Structures are given as structure tokens and as C-alpha cells.
N, C-alpha and C. Protein backbone atom coordinates (compact mmCIF):
# COMPACT_ATOMS: atom_id res chain seq x y z
N MET A 1 149.23 -6.87 69.82
CA MET A 1 148.89 -8.05 69.34
C MET A 1 149.96 -9.14 70.32
N ARG A 2 149.08 -10.32 70.56
CA ARG A 2 150.29 -11.23 71.57
C ARG A 2 151.06 -12.23 70.25
N ALA A 3 152.14 -12.36 70.64
CA ALA A 3 152.81 -12.82 69.66
C ALA A 3 152.30 -13.87 69.02
N ARG A 4 151.33 -14.51 69.84
CA ARG A 4 150.71 -15.95 69.48
C ARG A 4 149.82 -15.87 68.13
N LEU A 5 149.18 -14.68 68.27
CA LEU A 5 148.28 -14.10 67.09
C LEU A 5 149.18 -13.29 66.01
N VAL A 6 149.48 -12.65 66.36
CA VAL A 6 150.72 -12.47 65.10
C VAL A 6 151.40 -13.59 64.14
N ALA A 7 151.80 -14.73 64.91
CA ALA A 7 152.20 -15.71 64.36
C ALA A 7 151.30 -16.61 63.36
N LEU A 8 149.91 -16.50 64.40
CA LEU A 8 148.68 -17.31 63.44
C LEU A 8 148.84 -16.23 62.00
N ILE A 9 148.60 -15.36 62.30
CA ILE A 9 148.32 -14.52 61.18
C ILE A 9 148.83 -14.62 59.98
N ALA A 10 150.15 -14.79 60.53
CA ALA A 10 151.50 -15.15 59.44
C ALA A 10 151.71 -16.40 58.58
N VAL A 11 151.31 -17.48 59.83
CA VAL A 11 151.30 -18.28 59.15
C VAL A 11 150.19 -18.72 58.30
N MET A 12 148.80 -18.02 58.66
CA MET A 12 147.47 -18.19 58.04
C MET A 12 147.83 -16.89 56.35
N GLY A 13 147.89 -16.51 56.56
CA GLY A 13 148.85 -15.08 54.95
C GLY A 13 149.49 -16.73 54.33
N ALA A 14 150.46 -17.43 54.89
CA ALA A 14 151.48 -18.47 53.97
C ALA A 14 150.57 -19.28 53.29
N LEU A 15 149.33 -19.65 54.18
CA LEU A 15 148.09 -20.66 53.61
C LEU A 15 147.63 -20.15 52.50
N GLY A 16 146.78 -19.15 53.08
CA GLY A 16 146.51 -18.05 51.85
C GLY A 16 147.14 -18.21 50.32
N ASN A 17 148.72 -17.86 50.79
CA ASN A 17 149.80 -17.83 49.37
C ASN A 17 149.47 -18.99 48.63
N VAL A 18 149.56 -20.46 49.46
CA VAL A 18 150.10 -21.57 49.36
C VAL A 18 148.32 -22.10 48.59
N LEU A 19 147.62 -21.49 48.78
CA LEU A 19 146.14 -22.04 48.26
C LEU A 19 146.28 -21.25 46.60
N GLY A 20 146.26 -19.51 46.86
CA GLY A 20 146.80 -19.18 45.34
C GLY A 20 147.08 -19.69 44.90
N ALA A 21 148.40 -20.38 45.14
CA ALA A 21 149.71 -21.22 44.01
C ALA A 21 148.49 -22.08 43.48
N LEU A 22 147.45 -22.68 44.15
CA LEU A 22 147.45 -24.06 43.87
C LEU A 22 145.50 -23.47 42.90
N SER A 23 145.61 -22.37 42.41
CA SER A 23 144.60 -22.19 41.79
C SER A 23 144.52 -22.40 40.30
N ILE A 24 143.28 -22.66 39.71
CA ILE A 24 142.69 -23.46 38.46
C ILE A 24 142.60 -22.26 37.53
N PRO A 25 143.05 -22.20 36.49
CA PRO A 25 143.05 -20.87 35.44
C PRO A 25 140.98 -21.31 35.00
N ILE A 26 140.60 -20.37 34.75
CA ILE A 26 139.12 -20.25 34.06
C ILE A 26 139.11 -19.59 33.04
N PRO A 27 139.42 -20.08 31.30
CA PRO A 27 139.60 -19.71 30.06
C PRO A 27 138.35 -18.68 29.63
N VAL A 28 138.81 -17.59 29.07
CA VAL A 28 138.28 -16.30 28.96
C VAL A 28 138.82 -15.97 27.43
N PRO A 29 138.06 -15.23 26.91
CA PRO A 29 138.42 -14.87 25.21
C PRO A 29 139.24 -13.59 25.24
N VAL A 30 140.04 -13.29 26.26
CA VAL A 30 141.36 -12.26 25.95
C VAL A 30 142.43 -13.10 26.97
N PRO A 31 143.54 -12.61 26.63
CA PRO A 31 144.57 -12.90 27.40
C PRO A 31 144.65 -12.20 28.68
N TYR A 32 144.10 -11.11 28.97
CA TYR A 32 144.06 -10.41 30.55
C TYR A 32 142.54 -9.62 30.48
N PRO A 33 141.93 -9.60 31.71
CA PRO A 33 143.07 -10.61 33.08
C PRO A 33 142.64 -11.64 32.76
N ARG A 34 143.04 -12.59 33.52
CA ARG A 34 143.30 -13.94 34.04
C ARG A 34 142.06 -14.37 34.57
N VAL A 35 141.66 -15.14 35.12
CA VAL A 35 140.36 -15.38 35.87
C VAL A 35 140.91 -17.21 36.45
N GLU A 36 141.07 -17.30 37.33
CA GLU A 36 141.75 -18.29 38.32
C GLU A 36 140.42 -18.39 39.63
N LEU A 37 139.94 -19.97 39.42
CA LEU A 37 138.70 -20.56 40.45
C LEU A 37 140.24 -20.46 41.61
N CYS A 38 140.26 -19.87 43.03
CA CYS A 38 141.42 -19.83 43.93
C CYS A 38 140.47 -19.82 45.43
N PHE A 39 141.01 -20.12 46.01
CA PHE A 39 140.74 -20.37 47.28
C PHE A 39 141.64 -19.54 48.54
N SER A 40 142.29 -18.74 47.81
CA SER A 40 142.77 -18.42 49.31
C SER A 40 142.48 -17.28 49.88
N SER A 41 140.94 -16.96 49.59
CA SER A 41 140.31 -16.41 50.92
C SER A 41 139.63 -17.35 52.09
N LEU A 42 140.19 -19.06 52.19
CA LEU A 42 139.73 -19.32 53.24
C LEU A 42 140.25 -19.28 54.63
N ALA A 43 141.52 -18.84 54.46
CA ALA A 43 142.56 -18.17 55.50
C ALA A 43 142.02 -17.22 56.03
N THR A 44 141.49 -16.07 54.75
CA THR A 44 141.20 -14.71 56.04
C THR A 44 140.11 -14.52 55.94
N LEU A 45 139.17 -15.81 55.69
CA LEU A 45 137.66 -15.63 56.12
C LEU A 45 137.71 -16.37 57.64
N PHE A 46 138.73 -17.28 57.73
CA PHE A 46 138.45 -18.31 58.77
C PHE A 46 139.11 -16.97 59.79
N MET A 47 140.13 -16.58 59.63
CA MET A 47 140.88 -15.34 60.78
C MET A 47 139.52 -14.23 61.33
N ALA A 48 138.87 -14.13 59.82
CA ALA A 48 137.98 -13.07 59.85
C ALA A 48 136.51 -13.54 60.92
N VAL A 49 136.30 -14.73 60.78
CA VAL A 49 135.08 -14.96 61.73
C VAL A 49 135.56 -15.22 63.02
N SER A 50 136.91 -15.82 63.27
CA SER A 50 137.22 -16.66 64.26
C SER A 50 137.73 -15.83 64.98
N ILE A 51 138.45 -14.89 64.88
CA ILE A 51 139.06 -13.64 65.27
C ILE A 51 138.70 -12.46 65.53
N GLY A 52 138.63 -11.85 64.33
CA GLY A 52 137.88 -10.66 64.18
C GLY A 52 138.55 -9.68 63.05
N PRO A 53 137.95 -8.74 62.63
CA PRO A 53 138.24 -7.31 61.23
C PRO A 53 139.87 -7.34 61.01
N LEU A 54 140.47 -6.96 61.98
CA LEU A 54 141.82 -6.69 62.10
C LEU A 54 142.82 -7.91 61.61
N ALA A 55 142.26 -9.20 62.33
CA ALA A 55 142.96 -10.42 61.97
C ALA A 55 142.71 -10.70 60.53
N GLY A 56 141.31 -10.47 60.18
CA GLY A 56 140.91 -10.68 59.12
C GLY A 56 141.84 -9.61 57.84
N ALA A 57 141.15 -8.44 57.83
CA ALA A 57 141.65 -7.42 56.99
C ALA A 57 143.82 -7.65 56.96
N VAL A 58 144.36 -8.18 58.09
CA VAL A 58 146.25 -7.93 57.91
C VAL A 58 146.25 -9.61 56.83
N THR A 59 145.42 -10.84 57.38
CA THR A 59 145.78 -11.89 56.82
C THR A 59 145.40 -12.03 54.98
N GLY A 60 144.14 -10.90 54.76
CA GLY A 60 143.72 -10.95 53.46
C GLY A 60 144.84 -10.03 52.66
N ALA A 61 145.60 -9.47 53.30
CA ALA A 61 146.25 -8.50 52.59
C ALA A 61 147.71 -9.52 52.40
N LEU A 62 148.07 -10.38 53.49
CA LEU A 62 149.35 -10.96 53.31
C LEU A 62 149.04 -12.32 52.38
N GLY A 63 147.80 -12.65 52.46
CA GLY A 63 147.39 -14.35 51.45
C GLY A 63 147.37 -13.92 50.16
N THR A 64 147.13 -12.88 49.80
CA THR A 64 147.00 -12.96 48.47
C THR A 64 148.55 -12.27 47.38
N ILE A 65 149.50 -12.43 48.20
CA ILE A 65 151.14 -11.97 47.57
C ILE A 65 151.29 -12.54 46.35
N VAL A 66 151.18 -14.08 46.06
CA VAL A 66 151.69 -14.94 45.00
C VAL A 66 150.20 -14.60 44.27
N SER A 67 148.86 -14.43 44.22
CA SER A 67 147.83 -14.31 43.71
C SER A 67 148.17 -12.95 42.76
N THR A 68 148.47 -12.07 43.66
CA THR A 68 148.71 -10.68 43.02
C THR A 68 149.98 -10.60 41.74
N ILE A 69 150.72 -11.58 41.93
CA ILE A 69 151.68 -11.66 41.03
C ILE A 69 151.32 -12.41 39.71
N ARG A 70 150.45 -13.88 40.05
CA ARG A 70 150.14 -14.41 39.04
C ARG A 70 148.76 -14.11 38.03
N LEU A 71 148.49 -13.00 39.05
CA LEU A 71 147.65 -12.23 38.33
C LEU A 71 147.86 -11.43 37.38
N GLY A 72 148.84 -10.18 38.22
CA GLY A 72 149.19 -9.24 37.84
C GLY A 72 149.12 -8.04 37.93
N ASN A 73 147.82 -8.14 39.06
CA ASN A 73 146.63 -6.76 39.65
C ASN A 73 147.03 -6.52 41.09
N PRO A 74 148.20 -5.08 41.11
CA PRO A 74 148.38 -4.90 42.10
C PRO A 74 147.27 -4.42 43.23
N PHE A 75 145.99 -4.72 42.92
CA PHE A 75 144.77 -3.82 43.73
C PHE A 75 144.59 -5.30 44.41
N ILE A 76 144.77 -6.67 43.88
CA ILE A 76 144.07 -7.57 44.76
C ILE A 76 144.30 -7.47 46.37
N PRO A 77 145.23 -7.16 46.59
CA PRO A 77 145.83 -7.51 48.33
C PRO A 77 144.49 -6.67 49.12
N LEU A 78 144.38 -5.13 48.56
CA LEU A 78 143.04 -4.16 48.76
C LEU A 78 141.79 -5.28 49.13
N GLY A 79 141.38 -5.72 48.03
CA GLY A 79 140.17 -6.13 47.54
C GLY A 79 139.79 -7.18 49.01
N HIS A 80 140.84 -8.01 49.41
CA HIS A 80 140.82 -9.14 50.19
C HIS A 80 141.07 -8.24 51.65
N THR A 81 141.52 -7.24 51.55
CA THR A 81 141.41 -6.47 53.46
C THR A 81 140.15 -6.27 53.31
N ILE A 82 139.37 -5.67 52.07
CA ILE A 82 138.01 -5.16 52.88
C ILE A 82 137.17 -6.62 52.98
N LEU A 83 137.66 -7.70 52.58
CA LEU A 83 136.88 -8.87 52.67
C LEU A 83 136.89 -9.49 53.78
N GLY A 84 137.94 -9.30 54.30
CA GLY A 84 138.51 -9.90 55.50
C GLY A 84 138.08 -8.82 56.96
N PHE A 85 138.30 -7.25 56.53
CA PHE A 85 137.33 -6.94 57.41
C PHE A 85 136.11 -6.52 57.56
N VAL A 86 135.57 -6.87 56.37
CA VAL A 86 133.95 -6.64 56.46
C VAL A 86 133.64 -7.84 57.39
N ALA A 87 134.07 -8.72 56.35
CA ALA A 87 133.39 -10.47 57.24
C ALA A 87 133.86 -10.31 58.80
N GLY A 88 134.91 -9.86 59.18
CA GLY A 88 135.27 -10.17 60.69
C GLY A 88 134.25 -9.26 61.40
N TYR A 89 133.77 -8.01 60.97
CA TYR A 89 133.10 -6.88 61.56
C TYR A 89 131.77 -7.61 61.60
N ALA A 90 131.29 -8.33 60.39
CA ALA A 90 129.65 -8.90 60.36
C ALA A 90 130.02 -10.16 61.54
N SER A 91 130.97 -10.57 61.22
CA SER A 91 130.72 -11.86 62.17
C SER A 91 130.71 -11.89 63.94
N LYS A 92 130.30 -10.31 64.28
CA LYS A 92 129.81 -10.04 65.83
C LYS A 92 128.33 -10.21 65.26
N LYS A 93 127.83 -10.33 64.69
CA LYS A 93 126.40 -10.07 64.51
C LYS A 93 125.52 -11.56 63.81
N PHE A 94 126.56 -11.95 62.86
CA PHE A 94 125.71 -13.28 62.24
C PHE A 94 127.13 -14.31 62.01
N ARG A 95 126.48 -15.40 61.73
CA ARG A 95 127.09 -16.20 61.42
C ARG A 95 127.98 -16.26 60.88
N PRO A 96 129.22 -17.50 60.56
CA PRO A 96 130.32 -17.30 59.48
C PRO A 96 130.07 -16.50 58.23
N PHE A 97 129.17 -17.91 57.50
CA PHE A 97 128.44 -17.88 56.58
C PHE A 97 128.19 -17.12 55.55
N THR A 98 127.15 -16.04 56.64
CA THR A 98 126.23 -14.66 56.88
C THR A 98 127.58 -14.12 56.02
N SER A 99 128.18 -13.74 57.30
CA SER A 99 129.77 -12.79 57.76
C SER A 99 130.45 -12.75 55.90
N GLY A 100 130.60 -13.71 55.67
CA GLY A 100 131.89 -13.86 54.49
C GLY A 100 130.84 -13.52 53.75
N ILE A 101 129.61 -13.91 53.55
CA ILE A 101 128.97 -13.13 52.11
C ILE A 101 128.95 -11.61 52.15
N ILE A 102 128.44 -11.18 53.13
CA ILE A 102 128.58 -9.74 53.00
C ILE A 102 129.70 -8.87 53.48
N GLY A 103 131.22 -9.80 53.42
CA GLY A 103 132.28 -9.19 53.18
C GLY A 103 132.62 -9.19 51.60
N GLU A 104 131.66 -10.11 50.71
CA GLU A 104 132.37 -10.51 49.41
C GLU A 104 131.40 -9.19 48.57
N ILE A 105 130.22 -9.12 49.43
CA ILE A 105 129.62 -7.75 48.59
C ILE A 105 130.13 -6.45 48.80
N ALA A 106 130.89 -6.41 50.07
CA ALA A 106 131.56 -4.98 50.32
C ALA A 106 132.63 -4.95 49.35
N GLU A 107 133.40 -6.27 49.15
CA GLU A 107 134.63 -6.45 47.88
C GLU A 107 134.23 -5.77 46.43
N THR A 108 132.68 -6.24 46.27
CA THR A 108 131.84 -6.15 45.26
C THR A 108 132.88 -5.17 43.68
N PRO A 109 132.44 -4.14 44.59
CA PRO A 109 132.70 -2.72 43.96
C PRO A 109 134.45 -2.65 43.74
N TRP A 110 134.89 -2.61 45.03
CA TRP A 110 136.23 -2.94 44.49
C TRP A 110 136.94 -3.80 43.40
N ILE A 111 136.22 -4.87 42.99
CA ILE A 111 136.39 -5.78 41.95
C ILE A 111 136.27 -5.28 41.18
N TRP A 112 135.49 -4.09 40.54
CA TRP A 112 134.63 -3.92 39.54
C TRP A 112 135.86 -2.85 39.04
N PHE A 113 136.02 -2.01 40.29
CA PHE A 113 137.03 -1.09 39.87
C PHE A 113 138.13 -1.20 39.55
N SER A 114 139.21 -2.16 40.37
CA SER A 114 140.61 -2.69 40.29
C SER A 114 140.55 -3.23 38.81
N VAL A 115 139.65 -4.17 38.23
CA VAL A 115 139.61 -4.70 37.22
C VAL A 115 139.47 -3.77 36.06
N ILE A 116 138.50 -2.68 35.86
CA ILE A 116 138.57 -1.98 34.84
C ILE A 116 139.56 -1.35 34.92
N PHE A 117 139.79 -0.65 36.19
CA PHE A 117 141.30 0.40 35.69
C PHE A 117 142.73 -0.26 35.70
N TRP A 118 142.71 -1.58 35.89
CA TRP A 118 143.90 -2.21 35.42
C TRP A 118 143.91 -2.42 34.46
N ALA A 119 142.77 -3.21 34.00
CA ALA A 119 142.76 -4.19 32.54
C ALA A 119 142.90 -3.03 31.60
N TYR A 120 141.47 -1.80 31.62
CA TYR A 120 141.36 -0.86 30.57
C TYR A 120 142.34 -0.20 30.51
N LEU A 121 142.95 0.41 31.50
CA LEU A 121 143.77 1.74 31.60
C LEU A 121 145.51 0.91 31.42
N VAL A 122 145.59 -0.23 32.01
CA VAL A 122 146.98 -0.46 31.81
C VAL A 122 147.31 -1.57 30.34
N ALA A 123 146.33 -2.41 30.53
CA ALA A 123 146.38 -3.47 29.43
C ALA A 123 145.49 -2.71 28.27
N GLY A 124 144.58 -2.40 28.00
CA GLY A 124 144.22 -1.74 27.08
C GLY A 124 142.92 -2.52 26.60
N VAL A 125 142.58 -3.28 27.42
CA VAL A 125 141.44 -4.09 27.28
C VAL A 125 139.86 -3.76 26.86
N PRO A 126 139.14 -3.61 26.08
CA PRO A 126 138.22 -2.41 25.97
C PRO A 126 137.20 -2.83 26.71
N VAL A 127 136.55 -1.97 27.68
CA VAL A 127 135.46 -2.35 28.57
C VAL A 127 134.34 -3.38 28.59
N SER A 128 134.19 -2.90 27.04
CA SER A 128 132.69 -3.86 26.67
C SER A 128 133.34 -5.18 26.66
N VAL A 129 134.18 -5.21 26.71
CA VAL A 129 134.96 -6.77 26.63
C VAL A 129 135.15 -7.07 28.17
N LEU A 130 135.38 -6.30 29.10
CA LEU A 130 135.36 -6.45 30.35
C LEU A 130 134.32 -6.69 31.26
N ILE A 131 133.51 -6.20 30.89
CA ILE A 131 131.77 -6.13 31.30
C ILE A 131 131.82 -8.06 32.01
N PRO A 132 131.54 -8.56 30.59
CA PRO A 132 131.37 -10.17 30.91
C PRO A 132 132.18 -10.58 31.74
N ILE A 133 133.62 -10.26 31.13
CA ILE A 133 134.57 -10.66 32.13
C ILE A 133 134.62 -10.50 33.81
N ILE A 134 134.01 -9.52 34.19
CA ILE A 134 134.26 -9.06 35.34
C ILE A 134 133.26 -9.26 36.31
N THR A 135 131.90 -9.89 35.39
CA THR A 135 130.80 -10.63 36.22
C THR A 135 131.18 -11.44 35.97
N LEU A 136 132.04 -12.93 35.50
CA LEU A 136 132.82 -13.95 35.91
C LEU A 136 133.25 -13.79 37.12
N ILE A 137 134.80 -13.22 36.93
CA ILE A 137 135.33 -12.79 37.99
C ILE A 137 134.38 -12.84 39.26
N ASN A 138 132.86 -11.75 39.44
CA ASN A 138 132.47 -11.85 40.73
C ASN A 138 131.79 -12.97 40.72
N ILE A 139 131.29 -13.85 40.10
CA ILE A 139 130.20 -14.55 40.17
C ILE A 139 131.35 -16.10 40.74
N LYS A 140 132.79 -16.50 40.24
CA LYS A 140 133.40 -16.87 40.73
C LYS A 140 134.51 -16.59 42.22
N ALA A 141 134.33 -15.20 42.53
CA ALA A 141 134.35 -15.05 43.84
C ALA A 141 133.86 -15.72 44.68
N PHE A 142 132.40 -15.35 44.09
CA PHE A 142 131.48 -15.31 45.20
C PHE A 142 130.99 -17.54 45.82
N PHE A 143 131.78 -17.96 44.71
CA PHE A 143 131.97 -19.25 44.61
C PHE A 143 133.20 -19.26 45.95
N ASP A 144 134.05 -19.12 45.21
CA ASP A 144 135.15 -19.37 45.96
C ASP A 144 134.51 -19.08 47.56
N VAL A 145 134.07 -17.69 47.97
CA VAL A 145 133.76 -17.18 49.30
C VAL A 145 132.98 -18.33 50.09
N ALA A 146 132.12 -19.06 49.32
CA ALA A 146 131.11 -19.66 49.86
C ALA A 146 131.58 -21.71 49.91
N ALA A 147 132.64 -21.64 48.88
CA ALA A 147 133.22 -22.58 49.45
C ALA A 147 133.86 -22.70 50.30
N SER A 148 134.45 -21.61 50.62
CA SER A 148 136.01 -21.43 51.63
C SER A 148 135.07 -21.68 52.91
N LEU A 149 133.67 -20.78 52.99
CA LEU A 149 132.89 -20.13 54.38
C LEU A 149 132.51 -21.56 54.79
N LEU A 150 132.00 -22.58 53.62
CA LEU A 150 131.66 -23.81 54.23
C LEU A 150 132.75 -24.62 55.08
N VAL A 151 133.88 -24.41 54.39
CA VAL A 151 134.92 -25.17 54.96
C VAL A 151 135.35 -24.06 56.79
N CYS A 152 135.04 -22.89 56.78
CA CYS A 152 134.97 -22.43 57.89
C CYS A 152 134.23 -23.02 59.04
N GLU A 153 132.85 -23.07 58.44
CA GLU A 153 131.93 -23.16 59.32
C GLU A 153 132.16 -24.96 60.27
N ILE A 154 132.05 -25.92 59.18
CA ILE A 154 133.08 -27.03 59.93
C ILE A 154 133.91 -27.02 60.47
N LEU A 155 135.37 -26.41 60.18
CA LEU A 155 136.42 -25.88 61.35
C LEU A 155 135.68 -25.49 62.42
N LEU A 156 134.92 -24.54 62.75
CA LEU A 156 134.20 -24.05 63.36
C LEU A 156 133.69 -25.11 64.76
N MET A 157 133.17 -26.21 63.81
CA MET A 157 132.35 -26.63 64.78
C MET A 157 133.09 -27.79 65.57
N ARG A 158 134.43 -27.85 65.52
CA ARG A 158 135.17 -28.62 65.71
C ARG A 158 136.17 -28.12 67.17
N ARG A 159 135.65 -29.08 68.27
CA ARG A 159 136.41 -28.98 69.68
C ARG A 159 137.39 -28.69 69.95
N GLU A 160 138.56 -28.98 69.27
CA GLU A 160 140.04 -29.02 69.11
C GLU A 160 140.36 -27.74 68.34
N VAL A 161 139.35 -26.97 67.28
CA VAL A 161 139.74 -25.67 66.99
C VAL A 161 139.00 -24.81 67.82
N LYS A 162 137.97 -24.59 68.45
CA LYS A 162 137.33 -24.01 69.64
C LYS A 162 138.45 -23.96 70.82
N ASP A 163 138.96 -24.79 70.75
CA ASP A 163 139.95 -24.83 72.20
C ASP A 163 140.94 -24.23 71.64
N PHE A 164 141.77 -24.18 70.72
CA PHE A 164 142.45 -23.62 69.74
C PHE A 164 142.41 -21.89 69.99
N LEU A 165 140.99 -21.74 69.66
CA LEU A 165 140.87 -20.23 69.29
C LEU A 165 140.94 -19.67 71.09
N LYS A 166 140.24 -20.40 72.32
CA LYS A 166 139.98 -19.62 73.21
C LYS A 166 140.97 -19.58 73.70
N ARG A 167 142.29 -20.59 73.62
CA ARG A 167 143.47 -20.12 74.40
C ARG A 167 144.49 -19.00 73.45
N LEU A 168 143.81 -18.90 72.59
CA LEU A 168 144.91 -17.93 71.48
C LEU A 168 143.88 -16.52 71.84
N LYS A 169 142.89 -16.42 72.34
CA LYS A 169 142.26 -15.01 72.58
C LYS A 169 142.69 -14.35 74.45
N GLU A 170 143.34 -15.94 75.03
CA GLU A 170 143.43 -15.46 76.69
C GLU A 170 144.55 -14.53 76.61
């Protein structure tokens, strides 16, 4: 990887963390797991659909450190790594919006596994209580991704952004 690309991945990872710190809590009937509306996936998806799967995966892992600490689930970075990698890979054949939705579909089983594993085994929350909460988390994740992808689509239409990405890839 070129130094400029590594620097961009680091900056976008930092942006993901800032956006993760600005998340909005969603009330649920149990104290754990916490559910938050969070747009940290914006940085991951932008890198995935504009640069590629590896950049998306690394940005996804780096951009969720704050969310991981806030929500207390150490499996979050792997989920965003899956999202970034699959969205980046899908972007070779599909438009950014479709690619990101495909990435979120690929991340969905990981969301279910990680929340059940962490909340049930570590915090002791009954699975019967977790199912509606995980469903909410999953719906919320699709909303986060869809909103982030709309921003990505708008950014990628800008001539300045296209020129920047072209210079970055040279």
C-alpha cells in the first residue's frame, strides 16, 4: 500500500471512531446489550466502495474502536471488517448502495452470533429477551448502512472526490 492510502485509511478509521462517539442510544428493556444509532459505518463503506475490499476491511476494524468500548462487545470490529470487505468486493460489480446492502447482509449472521454469544454467555441475558433486541439491532444496522450509503453516493458524484480518488490510486 502506498503511504497516501495508509494515511487515508488511518484518517477514515479516526472518522469512524468520531462518528461512533456521536451515536444516539436507543432504549431497550434490558441494560445489556446497549443499542445505539451510529454512523461509524460511513467511513468503512466509503473506503470499501471507492478503494476496495482491503481498504474497507481495515477501515472497518480501525473505525469501531470507540463503539466497541462504548457498547462493550469486543466482536464489533470483526463485524465491520466483514461489512467493509464484502461491500468492497461487491462494488466491483454493483453500485455503492447495492454493494453496501450486500455487505450488511453478509454481516447479519455475525451480528446475531456476537450479540447472543456476548450478551447471553457474558451478561446472562436470556436468549428469549435477546431475539427482539437483536432484530432491532439488525434493522438499525440496515438503516445506518443505508443512510451512510446515500452519503457515499452523493460524495462519489462530486468531481473533487473523483479526482482525489483517481490521484490516490495512481
